[in-house]
Amino acid sequence: MNSLDQAEGECGGTERARSYCSAVLGASGFAPARSERAASFLRSGPLRGAALRGTKRQREASAASALRSRGWRCSSAQTDLKAFERRLTEYIACLQPATGRWRMILIVVSVCTATGAWNWLIDPETQKVSFFTSLWNHPFFTISCITLIGLFFAGIHKRVVAPSIIAARCRTVLAEYNMSCDDTGKLILKPRPHVQ
């Protein structure tokens, strides 16, 4: 497998890069960084007309031919891939501090709940009184348990693994374009399949 930087000379074509960028960026929820030339070209000209007619495959084909006619070749596809890789790594890196905080909160609340549960279970009064009375006698365990349940209802189980969820979704989309990415967002270009 080649990394994006090692694949300077290998370019899979403009239409492939354009359609993959739009698919991945649309799936992961962040906007691409385009050059001014690209932005002005996408707002006007043949791409605008291509977006209004035909099926998705026809629109992609006419957009790709319009890009090729304007000189968008291998270098712009490489630039788009590198810009996408930079944006993806930046996005995943921005999620790391928040993910670390959520993990610490989950660990602290879990340890408090486990400690409270141990004290609740070894208390001899727990067996003699009703369930709700035993919970009332152990407020530390009760509050910790309610907090832990509330955190799970708030989605902490997704927040502690948010970067890997983004990477997994990107891998799913990139697989269609014979690519992948690691957990930090670096693109991995797979060898091209041999068509016979």
Protein backbone atom coordinates (compact mmCIF):
# COMPACT_ATOMS: atom_id res chain seq x y z
CA MET A 1 0.00 0.00 0.00
CA ASN A 2 1.19 3.48 -0.83
CA SER A 3 0.70 6.62 1.18
CA LEU A 4 -0.54 9.74 -0.55
CA ASP A 5 2.86 11.41 -0.48
CA GLN A 6 4.52 8.37 -2.10
CA ALA A 7 1.97 8.38 -4.88
CA GLU A 8 2.95 11.72 -6.42
CA GLY A 9 3.24 10.24 -9.90
CA GLU A 10 0.13 8.06 -9.70
CA CYS A 11 -3.13 9.80 -10.43
CA GLY A 12 -6.43 8.05 -10.82
CA GLY A 13 -8.07 10.77 -12.91
CA THR A 14 -9.89 13.97 -12.16
CA GLU A 15 -13.40 12.54 -12.12
CA ARG A 16 -12.39 9.92 -9.59
CA ALA A 17 -10.85 12.51 -7.28
CA ARG A 18 -13.76 14.94 -7.65
CA SER A 19 -16.47 12.35 -7.02
CA TYR A 20 -14.59 10.75 -4.12
CA CYS A 21 -14.01 14.12 -2.45
CA SER A 22 -17.66 15.07 -2.71
CA ALA A 23 -18.80 11.67 -1.44
CA VAL A 24 -16.44 11.59 1.53
CA LEU A 25 -16.90 15.21 2.49
CA GLY A 26 -20.65 14.87 2.28
CA ALA A 27 -20.61 11.73 4.43
CA SER A 28 -18.36 13.06 7.16
CA GLY A 29 -20.01 16.44 7.55
CA PHE A 30 -17.34 19.00 6.76
CA ALA A 31 -16.79 21.25 3.76
CA PRO A 32 -13.80 21.00 1.43
CA ALA A 33 -11.16 23.70 1.14
CA ARG A 34 -11.05 24.77 -2.52
CA SER A 35 -8.81 27.17 -4.33
CA GLU A 36 -10.37 30.36 -5.68
CA ARG A 37 -10.00 29.10 -9.25
CA ALA A 38 -11.84 25.88 -8.41
CA ALA A 39 -14.60 27.68 -6.54
CA SER A 40 -15.27 30.14 -9.37
CA PHE A 41 -15.25 27.34 -11.93
CA LEU A 42 -17.72 25.25 -9.92
CA ARG A 43 -20.11 28.20 -9.56
CA SER A 44 -20.31 28.82 -13.29
CA GLY A 45 -19.72 27.18 -16.62
CA PRO A 46 -20.38 23.62 -17.72
CA LEU A 47 -20.49 22.16 -14.19
CA ARG A 48 -23.48 24.27 -13.29
CA GLY A 49 -25.43 22.99 -16.28
CA ALA A 50 -24.29 19.42 -15.63
CA ALA A 51 -25.64 19.53 -12.10
CA LEU A 52 -29.11 20.34 -13.36
CA ARG A 53 -29.71 17.45 -15.75
CA GLY A 54 -29.28 13.71 -16.07
CA THR A 55 -28.57 10.90 -13.64
CA LYS A 56 -25.83 11.01 -11.06
CA ARG A 57 -23.42 9.03 -13.26
CA GLN A 58 -24.15 11.30 -16.24
CA ARG A 59 -23.61 14.40 -14.09
CA GLU A 60 -20.29 13.05 -12.82
CA ALA A 61 -19.17 12.19 -16.36
CA SER A 62 -20.11 15.58 -17.79
CA ALA A 63 -18.52 17.36 -14.83
CA ALA A 64 -15.33 15.36 -15.30
CA SER A 65 -15.18 16.11 -19.02
CA ALA A 66 -15.78 19.78 -18.28
CA LEU A 67 -12.95 19.76 -15.77
CA ARG A 68 -10.62 18.02 -18.23
CA SER A 69 -11.49 20.55 -20.92
CA ARG A 70 -10.45 23.37 -18.57
CA GLY A 71 -7.07 21.79 -17.80
CA TRP A 72 -7.83 20.13 -14.46
CA ARG A 73 -5.52 17.19 -14.71
CA CYS A 74 -3.45 15.02 -12.40
CA SER A 75 -1.91 17.85 -10.38
CA SER A 76 -5.28 19.23 -9.32
CA ALA A 77 -6.46 15.75 -8.30
CA GLN A 78 -3.34 15.34 -6.17
CA THR A 79 -3.91 18.77 -4.67
CA ASP A 80 -7.51 17.85 -3.85
CA LEU A 81 -6.42 14.57 -2.25
CA LYS A 82 -3.79 16.30 -0.14
CA ALA A 83 -6.24 19.02 0.89
CA PHE A 84 -8.79 16.38 1.85
CA GLU A 85 -6.15 14.46 3.83
CA ARG A 86 -5.07 17.62 5.67
CA ARG A 87 -8.67 18.50 6.51
CA LEU A 88 -9.46 14.97 7.70
CA THR A 89 -6.36 14.76 9.94
CA GLU A 90 -7.14 18.24 11.30
CA TYR A 91 -10.74 17.27 12.06
CA ILE A 92 -9.75 14.03 13.83
CA ALA A 93 -7.01 15.84 15.78
CA CYS A 94 -9.57 18.43 16.94
CA LEU A 95 -11.77 15.66 18.32
CA GLN A 96 -8.98 14.15 20.45
CA PRO A 97 -9.04 16.63 23.41
CA ALA A 98 -12.82 16.40 23.82
CA THR A 99 -12.66 12.62 23.49
CA GLY A 100 -10.00 12.49 26.22
CA ARG A 101 -12.17 14.56 28.54
CA TRP A 102 -15.20 12.35 27.97
CA ARG A 103 -13.07 9.25 28.63
CA MET A 104 -11.84 10.70 31.92
CA ILE A 105 -15.41 11.55 32.97
CA LEU A 106 -16.54 8.02 32.13
CA ILE A 107 -13.64 6.46 34.07
CA VAL A 108 -14.24 8.62 37.16
CA VAL A 109 -17.99 7.96 37.23
CA SER A 110 -17.45 4.22 36.61
CA VAL A 111 -14.93 3.97 39.48
CA CYS A 112 -17.29 5.89 41.78
CA THR A 113 -20.17 3.59 40.82
CA ALA A 114 -18.06 0.46 41.38
CA THR A 115 -16.84 1.72 44.76
CA GLY A 116 -20.36 2.65 45.83
CA ALA A 117 -21.68 -0.71 44.65
CA TRP A 118 -19.02 -2.54 46.67
CA ASN A 119 -19.90 -0.59 49.82
CA TRP A 120 -23.60 -1.14 49.17
CA LEU A 121 -23.15 -4.91 48.74
CA ILE A 122 -20.93 -5.50 51.80
CA ASP A 123 -23.17 -3.49 54.12
CA PRO A 124 -25.02 -5.94 56.43
CA GLU A 125 -28.04 -3.60 56.55
CA THR A 126 -28.60 -4.05 52.79
CA GLN A 127 -29.98 -7.58 53.29
CA LYS A 128 -32.28 -6.59 56.14
CA VAL A 129 -34.07 -3.58 54.61
CA SER A 130 -36.00 -3.06 51.38
CA PHE A 131 -34.27 -2.22 48.11
CA PHE A 132 -35.26 1.45 48.04
CA THR A 133 -34.33 1.90 51.69
CA SER A 134 -30.89 0.41 51.02
CA LEU A 135 -30.43 2.84 48.11
CA TRP A 136 -31.52 5.68 50.38
CA ASN A 137 -28.91 4.58 52.95
CA HIS A 138 -26.14 4.68 50.28
CA PRO A 139 -26.53 8.03 48.47
CA PHE A 140 -23.00 7.89 46.99
CA PHE A 141 -23.83 4.71 45.07
CA THR A 142 -27.29 5.96 44.10
CA ILE A 143 -26.04 9.28 42.74
CA SER A 144 -23.11 7.62 40.92
CA CYS A 145 -25.36 5.03 39.34
CA ILE A 146 -27.91 7.63 38.20
CA THR A 147 -25.10 9.77 36.79
CA LEU A 148 -23.63 6.81 34.87
CA ILE A 149 -27.02 5.90 33.42
CA GLY A 150 -27.61 9.56 32.47
CA LEU A 151 -24.23 9.73 30.73
CA PHE A 152 -25.07 6.67 28.64
CA PHE A 153 -28.44 8.13 27.68
CA ALA A 154 -26.60 11.34 26.70
CA GLY A 155 -24.41 9.34 24.29
CA ILE A 156 -21.08 9.13 26.11
CA HIS A 157 -20.50 5.70 24.59
CA LYS A 158 -20.31 7.40 21.16
CA ARG A 159 -18.31 10.42 22.32
CA VAL A 160 -15.46 8.37 23.77
CA VAL A 161 -14.85 6.79 20.35
CA ALA A 162 -15.79 9.72 18.07
CA PRO A 163 -12.49 9.82 16.09
CA SER A 164 -12.71 6.12 15.27
CA ILE A 165 -16.35 6.53 14.17
CA ILE A 166 -15.32 9.29 11.74
CA ALA A 167 -12.37 7.21 10.46
CA ALA A 168 -14.58 4.14 10.00
CA ARG A 169 -17.18 6.12 8.02
CA CYS A 170 -14.47 7.60 5.84
CA ARG A 171 -13.00 4.12 5.24
CA THR A 172 -16.42 2.91 4.11
CA VAL A 173 -16.70 5.68 1.52
CA LEU A 174 -13.04 5.56 0.47
CA ALA A 175 -13.25 1.81 -0.18
CA GLU A 176 -15.31 2.56 -3.30
CA TYR A 177 -12.34 4.54 -4.65
CA ASN A 178 -9.72 1.90 -3.80
CA MET A 179 -8.45 3.91 -0.85
CA SER A 180 -8.52 3.79 2.92
CA CYS A 181 -7.31 5.86 5.86
CA ASP A 182 -5.74 5.16 9.23
CA ASP A 183 -7.07 6.27 12.61
CA THR A 184 -5.29 9.63 12.36
CA GLY A 185 -6.85 10.44 8.97
CA LYS A 186 -3.85 9.77 6.72
CA LEU A 187 -4.97 8.45 3.34
CA ILE A 188 -3.80 5.05 2.14
CA LEU A 189 -3.81 4.42 -1.61
CA LYS A 190 -4.26 0.76 -2.45
CA PRO A 191 -2.79 -0.79 -5.60
CA ARG A 192 -5.00 -0.48 -8.64
CA PRO A 193 -6.87 -3.64 -9.55
CA HIS A 194 -5.73 -5.22 -12.80
CA VAL A 195 -8.51 -5.24 -15.39
CA GLN A 196 -8.22 -7.95 -18.03
